[in-house]
N, C-alpha and C. Protein backbone atom coordinates (compact mmCIF):
# COMPACT_ATOMS: atom_id res chain seq x y z
N MET A 1 -25.06 8.24 78.43
CA MET A 1 -23.64 7.91 78.52
C MET A 1 -23.40 7.13 79.82
N ARG A 2 -22.51 6.17 79.72
CA ARG A 2 -22.08 5.40 80.90
C ARG A 2 -20.57 5.58 81.02
N PHE A 3 -20.06 5.46 82.27
CA PHE A 3 -18.65 5.71 82.53
C PHE A 3 -18.19 4.78 83.65
N TRP A 4 -17.02 4.16 83.46
CA TRP A 4 -16.45 3.27 84.46
C TRP A 4 -14.99 3.67 84.69
N VAL A 5 -14.54 3.55 85.93
CA VAL A 5 -13.13 3.72 86.28
C VAL A 5 -12.65 2.38 86.81
N LEU A 6 -11.60 1.85 86.18
CA LEU A 6 -11.09 0.53 86.54
C LEU A 6 -9.70 0.62 87.15
N ALA A 7 -9.50 -0.17 88.19
CA ALA A 7 -8.19 -0.23 88.84
C ALA A 7 -7.56 -1.61 88.71
N SER A 8 -8.34 -2.61 88.29
CA SER A 8 -7.87 -3.98 88.28
C SER A 8 -8.63 -4.81 87.24
N VAL A 9 -7.98 -5.86 86.74
CA VAL A 9 -8.66 -6.77 85.81
C VAL A 9 -9.82 -7.50 86.49
N ARG A 10 -9.83 -7.54 87.81
CA ARG A 10 -10.95 -8.16 88.52
C ARG A 10 -12.26 -7.42 88.28
N GLN A 11 -12.21 -6.19 87.84
CA GLN A 11 -13.40 -5.40 87.57
C GLN A 11 -13.96 -5.61 86.17
N LEU A 12 -13.25 -6.37 85.34
CA LEU A 12 -13.68 -6.53 83.95
C LEU A 12 -15.00 -7.30 83.82
N GLN A 13 -15.22 -8.28 84.65
CA GLN A 13 -16.47 -9.04 84.58
C GLN A 13 -17.66 -8.12 84.85
N ALA A 14 -17.56 -7.28 85.84
CA ALA A 14 -18.63 -6.33 86.15
C ALA A 14 -18.82 -5.35 85.00
N LEU A 15 -17.72 -4.87 84.41
CA LEU A 15 -17.80 -3.97 83.27
C LEU A 15 -18.58 -4.62 82.14
N ARG A 16 -18.23 -5.85 81.79
CA ARG A 16 -18.92 -6.55 80.69
C ARG A 16 -20.41 -6.67 80.99
N GLY A 17 -20.75 -7.10 82.19
CA GLY A 17 -22.16 -7.27 82.54
C GLY A 17 -22.93 -5.96 82.51
N GLU A 18 -22.36 -4.91 83.07
CA GLU A 18 -23.03 -3.62 83.08
C GLU A 18 -23.15 -3.03 81.69
N LEU A 19 -22.15 -3.26 80.86
CA LEU A 19 -22.19 -2.77 79.48
C LEU A 19 -23.30 -3.46 78.69
N VAL A 20 -23.37 -4.78 78.79
CA VAL A 20 -24.43 -5.52 78.09
C VAL A 20 -25.80 -5.08 78.60
N ALA A 21 -25.95 -4.93 79.90
CA ALA A 21 -27.23 -4.50 80.47
C ALA A 21 -27.61 -3.11 79.96
N ALA A 22 -26.65 -2.20 79.91
CA ALA A 22 -26.93 -0.85 79.43
C ALA A 22 -27.33 -0.85 77.96
N LEU A 23 -26.67 -1.66 77.17
CA LEU A 23 -26.94 -1.68 75.73
C LEU A 23 -28.25 -2.36 75.37
N THR A 24 -28.60 -3.38 76.10
CA THR A 24 -29.83 -4.10 75.77
C THR A 24 -31.05 -3.45 76.39
N ALA A 25 -30.85 -2.52 77.32
CA ALA A 25 -31.97 -1.85 77.97
C ALA A 25 -32.19 -0.44 77.46
N ASP A 26 -31.39 0.00 76.49
CA ASP A 26 -31.49 1.41 76.09
C ASP A 26 -32.55 1.70 75.06
N GLY A 27 -33.33 0.68 74.67
CA GLY A 27 -34.39 0.92 73.70
C GLY A 27 -33.86 1.24 72.32
N GLY A 28 -32.70 0.70 72.00
CA GLY A 28 -32.07 0.97 70.71
C GLY A 28 -32.85 0.41 69.54
N GLN A 29 -32.41 0.78 68.36
CA GLN A 29 -33.06 0.36 67.13
C GLN A 29 -32.75 -1.10 66.84
N GLY A 30 -33.56 -1.72 66.00
CA GLY A 30 -33.29 -3.07 65.55
C GLY A 30 -33.92 -4.11 66.44
N ALA A 31 -33.88 -5.33 65.96
CA ALA A 31 -34.45 -6.45 66.70
C ALA A 31 -33.66 -6.71 67.96
N ALA A 32 -34.33 -7.31 68.94
CA ALA A 32 -33.68 -7.60 70.22
C ALA A 32 -32.46 -8.47 70.04
N THR A 33 -32.53 -9.46 69.16
CA THR A 33 -31.37 -10.33 68.96
C THR A 33 -30.19 -9.57 68.38
N ARG A 34 -30.46 -8.60 67.53
CA ARG A 34 -29.38 -7.81 66.95
C ARG A 34 -28.75 -6.95 68.05
N GLU A 35 -29.57 -6.38 68.95
CA GLU A 35 -29.04 -5.58 70.04
C GLU A 35 -28.15 -6.41 70.95
N VAL A 36 -28.56 -7.64 71.24
CA VAL A 36 -27.74 -8.53 72.07
C VAL A 36 -26.44 -8.84 71.36
N SER A 37 -26.48 -9.05 70.06
CA SER A 37 -25.28 -9.35 69.29
C SER A 37 -24.30 -8.17 69.33
N VAL A 38 -24.80 -6.96 69.13
CA VAL A 38 -23.96 -5.77 69.20
C VAL A 38 -23.42 -5.61 70.62
N ALA A 39 -24.27 -5.82 71.61
CA ALA A 39 -23.84 -5.69 73.01
C ALA A 39 -22.74 -6.70 73.34
N SER A 40 -22.88 -7.92 72.86
CA SER A 40 -21.86 -8.94 73.11
C SER A 40 -20.53 -8.56 72.46
N ALA A 41 -20.59 -8.09 71.22
CA ALA A 41 -19.37 -7.67 70.53
C ALA A 41 -18.71 -6.50 71.26
N MET A 42 -19.52 -5.54 71.69
CA MET A 42 -18.97 -4.39 72.38
C MET A 42 -18.39 -4.77 73.74
N ALA A 43 -19.03 -5.70 74.43
CA ALA A 43 -18.51 -6.15 75.72
C ALA A 43 -17.15 -6.82 75.55
N LEU A 44 -17.01 -7.62 74.50
CA LEU A 44 -15.72 -8.26 74.23
C LEU A 44 -14.65 -7.22 73.90
N VAL A 45 -14.98 -6.28 73.03
CA VAL A 45 -14.01 -5.24 72.66
C VAL A 45 -13.65 -4.38 73.87
N ALA A 46 -14.64 -3.99 74.66
CA ALA A 46 -14.37 -3.20 75.86
C ALA A 46 -13.44 -3.94 76.80
N SER A 47 -13.69 -5.22 76.97
CA SER A 47 -12.85 -6.04 77.84
C SER A 47 -11.41 -6.11 77.32
N GLU A 48 -11.26 -6.32 76.03
CA GLU A 48 -9.92 -6.41 75.44
C GLU A 48 -9.17 -5.08 75.55
N LEU A 49 -9.84 -3.98 75.20
CA LEU A 49 -9.17 -2.68 75.26
C LEU A 49 -8.86 -2.27 76.70
N ALA A 50 -9.78 -2.55 77.61
CA ALA A 50 -9.55 -2.23 79.02
C ALA A 50 -8.42 -3.09 79.60
N THR A 51 -8.37 -4.36 79.21
CA THR A 51 -7.28 -5.23 79.66
C THR A 51 -5.94 -4.66 79.21
N ASN A 52 -5.86 -4.24 77.95
CA ASN A 52 -4.62 -3.63 77.44
C ASN A 52 -4.25 -2.40 78.26
N ALA A 53 -5.23 -1.55 78.55
CA ALA A 53 -4.96 -0.33 79.32
C ALA A 53 -4.50 -0.66 80.73
N LEU A 54 -5.13 -1.66 81.34
CA LEU A 54 -4.74 -2.04 82.70
C LEU A 54 -3.36 -2.68 82.75
N GLU A 55 -3.03 -3.48 81.74
CA GLU A 55 -1.74 -4.18 81.74
C GLU A 55 -0.58 -3.33 81.27
N HIS A 56 -0.84 -2.43 80.31
CA HIS A 56 0.26 -1.68 79.70
C HIS A 56 0.19 -0.18 79.96
N GLY A 57 -0.89 0.27 80.59
CA GLY A 57 -1.08 1.70 80.80
C GLY A 57 -0.78 2.13 82.22
N THR A 58 -1.04 3.38 82.46
CA THR A 58 -0.87 3.98 83.77
C THR A 58 -2.25 4.42 84.25
N PRO A 59 -2.61 4.06 85.49
CA PRO A 59 -3.94 4.40 85.99
C PRO A 59 -4.18 5.92 86.00
N PRO A 60 -5.43 6.31 85.99
CA PRO A 60 -6.61 5.43 85.99
C PRO A 60 -6.96 4.97 84.57
N THR A 61 -7.57 3.81 84.48
CA THR A 61 -8.15 3.34 83.22
C THR A 61 -9.63 3.69 83.26
N THR A 62 -10.08 4.37 82.23
CA THR A 62 -11.49 4.72 82.17
C THR A 62 -12.12 4.14 80.91
N VAL A 63 -13.38 3.77 81.03
CA VAL A 63 -14.15 3.27 79.90
C VAL A 63 -15.41 4.11 79.83
N ARG A 64 -15.72 4.59 78.63
CA ARG A 64 -16.91 5.41 78.44
C ARG A 64 -17.71 4.87 77.26
N LEU A 65 -19.00 4.80 77.43
CA LEU A 65 -19.92 4.40 76.37
C LEU A 65 -20.83 5.58 76.10
N SER A 66 -20.88 6.02 74.86
CA SER A 66 -21.81 7.08 74.49
C SER A 66 -22.49 6.70 73.18
N VAL A 67 -23.56 7.38 72.87
CA VAL A 67 -24.31 7.09 71.66
C VAL A 67 -24.69 8.41 70.99
N ARG A 68 -24.56 8.41 69.70
CA ARG A 68 -24.99 9.56 68.89
C ARG A 68 -25.69 9.01 67.66
N GLY A 69 -26.98 9.25 67.60
CA GLY A 69 -27.75 8.75 66.46
C GLY A 69 -27.72 7.24 66.43
N ASP A 70 -27.20 6.69 65.35
CA ASP A 70 -27.16 5.24 65.15
C ASP A 70 -25.80 4.64 65.49
N THR A 71 -24.96 5.39 66.20
CA THR A 71 -23.60 4.93 66.46
C THR A 71 -23.28 4.94 67.96
N TYR A 72 -22.74 3.82 68.41
CA TYR A 72 -22.18 3.71 69.76
C TYR A 72 -20.70 4.04 69.67
N LEU A 73 -20.19 4.76 70.66
CA LEU A 73 -18.76 5.02 70.77
C LEU A 73 -18.28 4.43 72.09
N LEU A 74 -17.34 3.51 71.98
CA LEU A 74 -16.70 2.90 73.13
C LEU A 74 -15.31 3.53 73.22
N HIS A 75 -14.97 4.07 74.38
CA HIS A 75 -13.75 4.85 74.53
C HIS A 75 -13.03 4.38 75.79
N VAL A 76 -11.75 3.99 75.64
CA VAL A 76 -10.94 3.53 76.78
C VAL A 76 -9.71 4.43 76.86
N ALA A 77 -9.39 4.88 78.06
CA ALA A 77 -8.25 5.80 78.22
C ALA A 77 -7.39 5.40 79.41
N ASP A 78 -6.10 5.70 79.29
CA ASP A 78 -5.16 5.55 80.40
C ASP A 78 -4.12 6.66 80.25
N ARG A 79 -3.18 6.70 81.17
CA ARG A 79 -2.22 7.82 81.19
C ARG A 79 -0.80 7.41 80.78
N GLU A 80 -0.66 6.31 80.04
CA GLU A 80 0.66 5.88 79.58
C GLU A 80 0.87 6.33 78.13
N LEU A 81 1.51 7.46 77.96
CA LEU A 81 1.71 8.01 76.63
C LEU A 81 2.84 7.33 75.86
N GLY A 82 3.73 6.65 76.55
CA GLY A 82 4.89 6.05 75.91
C GLY A 82 4.65 4.68 75.32
N THR A 83 3.46 4.12 75.51
CA THR A 83 3.16 2.79 74.98
C THR A 83 1.99 2.89 74.01
N PRO A 84 2.30 3.04 72.71
CA PRO A 84 1.20 3.14 71.75
C PRO A 84 0.52 1.80 71.53
N PRO A 85 -0.76 1.81 71.19
CA PRO A 85 -1.45 0.56 70.89
C PRO A 85 -0.83 -0.09 69.65
N VAL A 86 -0.65 -1.39 69.70
CA VAL A 86 -0.03 -2.12 68.60
C VAL A 86 -0.88 -3.33 68.26
N VAL A 87 -1.17 -3.51 66.97
CA VAL A 87 -1.89 -4.69 66.52
C VAL A 87 -0.91 -5.86 66.49
N ALA A 88 -1.34 -6.99 67.04
CA ALA A 88 -0.47 -8.18 67.09
C ALA A 88 -0.09 -8.60 65.68
N GLY A 89 1.13 -9.02 65.54
CA GLY A 89 1.59 -9.52 64.25
C GLY A 89 1.35 -11.01 64.14
N THR A 90 2.42 -11.74 63.99
CA THR A 90 2.32 -13.19 63.79
C THR A 90 2.64 -13.94 65.06
N ARG A 91 2.20 -13.42 66.18
CA ARG A 91 2.44 -14.08 67.46
C ARG A 91 1.67 -15.39 67.52
N PRO A 92 2.24 -16.37 68.19
CA PRO A 92 1.51 -17.63 68.39
C PRO A 92 0.29 -17.42 69.28
N ALA A 93 -0.74 -18.20 69.05
CA ALA A 93 -1.93 -18.14 69.90
C ALA A 93 -1.50 -18.37 71.34
N GLY A 94 -2.08 -17.63 72.25
CA GLY A 94 -1.74 -17.76 73.66
C GLY A 94 -0.70 -16.77 74.13
N ASP A 95 -0.03 -16.08 73.18
CA ASP A 95 0.98 -15.10 73.56
C ASP A 95 0.39 -13.71 73.77
N GLY A 96 -0.90 -13.58 73.59
CA GLY A 96 -1.57 -12.31 73.83
C GLY A 96 -1.35 -11.32 72.71
N GLY A 97 -1.86 -10.13 72.93
CA GLY A 97 -1.66 -9.06 71.97
C GLY A 97 -2.68 -9.00 70.86
N PHE A 98 -3.82 -9.64 71.02
CA PHE A 98 -4.81 -9.67 69.95
C PHE A 98 -6.00 -8.76 70.21
N GLY A 99 -5.96 -7.95 71.26
CA GLY A 99 -7.08 -7.08 71.61
C GLY A 99 -7.46 -6.12 70.50
N LEU A 100 -6.48 -5.43 69.92
CA LEU A 100 -6.79 -4.49 68.84
C LEU A 100 -7.27 -5.23 67.59
N MET A 101 -6.72 -6.41 67.34
CA MET A 101 -7.15 -7.18 66.18
C MET A 101 -8.63 -7.60 66.34
N ILE A 102 -8.98 -8.02 67.53
CA ILE A 102 -10.38 -8.37 67.81
C ILE A 102 -11.26 -7.14 67.64
N ALA A 103 -10.82 -6.00 68.15
CA ALA A 103 -11.58 -4.76 68.01
C ALA A 103 -11.77 -4.40 66.54
N GLN A 104 -10.73 -4.54 65.74
CA GLN A 104 -10.83 -4.21 64.32
C GLN A 104 -11.80 -5.13 63.59
N ARG A 105 -11.88 -6.37 64.01
CA ARG A 105 -12.79 -7.31 63.35
C ARG A 105 -14.25 -7.11 63.74
N LEU A 106 -14.50 -6.66 64.98
CA LEU A 106 -15.87 -6.56 65.46
C LEU A 106 -16.48 -5.16 65.35
N ALA A 107 -15.64 -4.14 65.37
CA ALA A 107 -16.14 -2.77 65.36
C ALA A 107 -16.22 -2.23 63.94
N GLN A 108 -17.00 -1.17 63.77
CA GLN A 108 -17.03 -0.47 62.48
C GLN A 108 -15.70 0.21 62.22
N ASP A 109 -15.18 0.84 63.26
CA ASP A 109 -13.93 1.58 63.13
C ASP A 109 -13.23 1.58 64.48
N VAL A 110 -11.90 1.64 64.46
CA VAL A 110 -11.08 1.65 65.67
C VAL A 110 -9.95 2.65 65.44
N GLY A 111 -9.60 3.38 66.48
CA GLY A 111 -8.50 4.31 66.36
C GLY A 111 -7.95 4.70 67.72
N TRP A 112 -6.96 5.55 67.72
CA TRP A 112 -6.39 6.01 68.97
C TRP A 112 -5.72 7.36 68.76
N TYR A 113 -5.58 8.09 69.84
CA TYR A 113 -4.91 9.37 69.83
C TYR A 113 -4.42 9.67 71.25
N THR A 114 -3.56 10.66 71.37
CA THR A 114 -3.10 11.08 72.69
C THR A 114 -3.37 12.57 72.87
N THR A 115 -3.53 12.93 74.12
CA THR A 115 -3.57 14.34 74.50
C THR A 115 -2.33 14.55 75.35
N GLU A 116 -2.21 15.68 75.99
CA GLU A 116 -1.00 15.94 76.78
C GLU A 116 -0.79 14.94 77.90
N GLN A 117 -1.88 14.40 78.47
CA GLN A 117 -1.75 13.51 79.62
C GLN A 117 -2.36 12.13 79.44
N THR A 118 -3.08 11.90 78.34
CA THR A 118 -3.87 10.68 78.25
C THR A 118 -3.79 10.04 76.86
N LYS A 119 -3.76 8.71 76.85
CA LYS A 119 -3.88 7.93 75.62
C LYS A 119 -5.32 7.45 75.53
N HIS A 120 -5.92 7.60 74.36
CA HIS A 120 -7.32 7.25 74.13
C HIS A 120 -7.41 6.23 73.01
N VAL A 121 -8.10 5.13 73.25
CA VAL A 121 -8.37 4.13 72.21
C VAL A 121 -9.89 4.05 72.10
N TRP A 122 -10.41 4.09 70.86
CA TRP A 122 -11.85 4.11 70.68
C TRP A 122 -12.29 3.11 69.61
N ALA A 123 -13.53 2.73 69.70
CA ALA A 123 -14.14 1.84 68.70
C ALA A 123 -15.59 2.27 68.52
N THR A 124 -16.07 2.25 67.28
CA THR A 124 -17.46 2.58 67.02
C THR A 124 -18.21 1.35 66.55
N PHE A 125 -19.49 1.34 66.87
CA PHE A 125 -20.38 0.24 66.51
C PHE A 125 -21.71 0.84 66.06
N SER A 126 -22.29 0.27 65.03
CA SER A 126 -23.61 0.68 64.61
C SER A 126 -24.65 0.03 65.53
N ARG A 127 -25.64 0.81 65.92
CA ARG A 127 -26.70 0.26 66.77
C ARG A 127 -27.50 -0.79 66.02
N SER A 128 -27.39 -0.80 64.71
CA SER A 128 -28.17 -1.75 63.92
C SER A 128 -27.31 -2.81 63.24
N GLN A 129 -26.00 -2.83 63.53
CA GLN A 129 -25.13 -3.82 62.89
C GLN A 129 -25.39 -5.22 63.44
N GLN A 130 -25.04 -6.19 62.65
CA GLN A 130 -25.07 -7.57 63.14
C GLN A 130 -23.64 -8.00 63.31
N ALA A 131 -23.27 -8.31 64.53
CA ALA A 131 -21.88 -8.71 64.82
C ALA A 131 -21.67 -10.18 64.54
């Protein structure tokens, strides 16, 4: 498992790089090119979900990567319970709000829930999927 605490969008580049490095070095199943493809998709989704948490949430924003069997779980959390995740509708390109839509297209599954103090957004990826 890997874990990051983010305070600023300036940390997103490091998050993406560390996430790709962790995923491509973990000895996962499948061909190397497939692992890079999954890692790239997950880095994009992590960046989008973390950006949403940083812009619309309440600190701290945390990102966690875990693996169980053939499935990666990417989990992003913040403490803003009053702002639920929303999939962009028919907004013009450039107006933002497409993070969840990107996550839905690249991940196997995406969802969210709240606890008493924290909002959690998650996405799953198959270690053997081709993104």
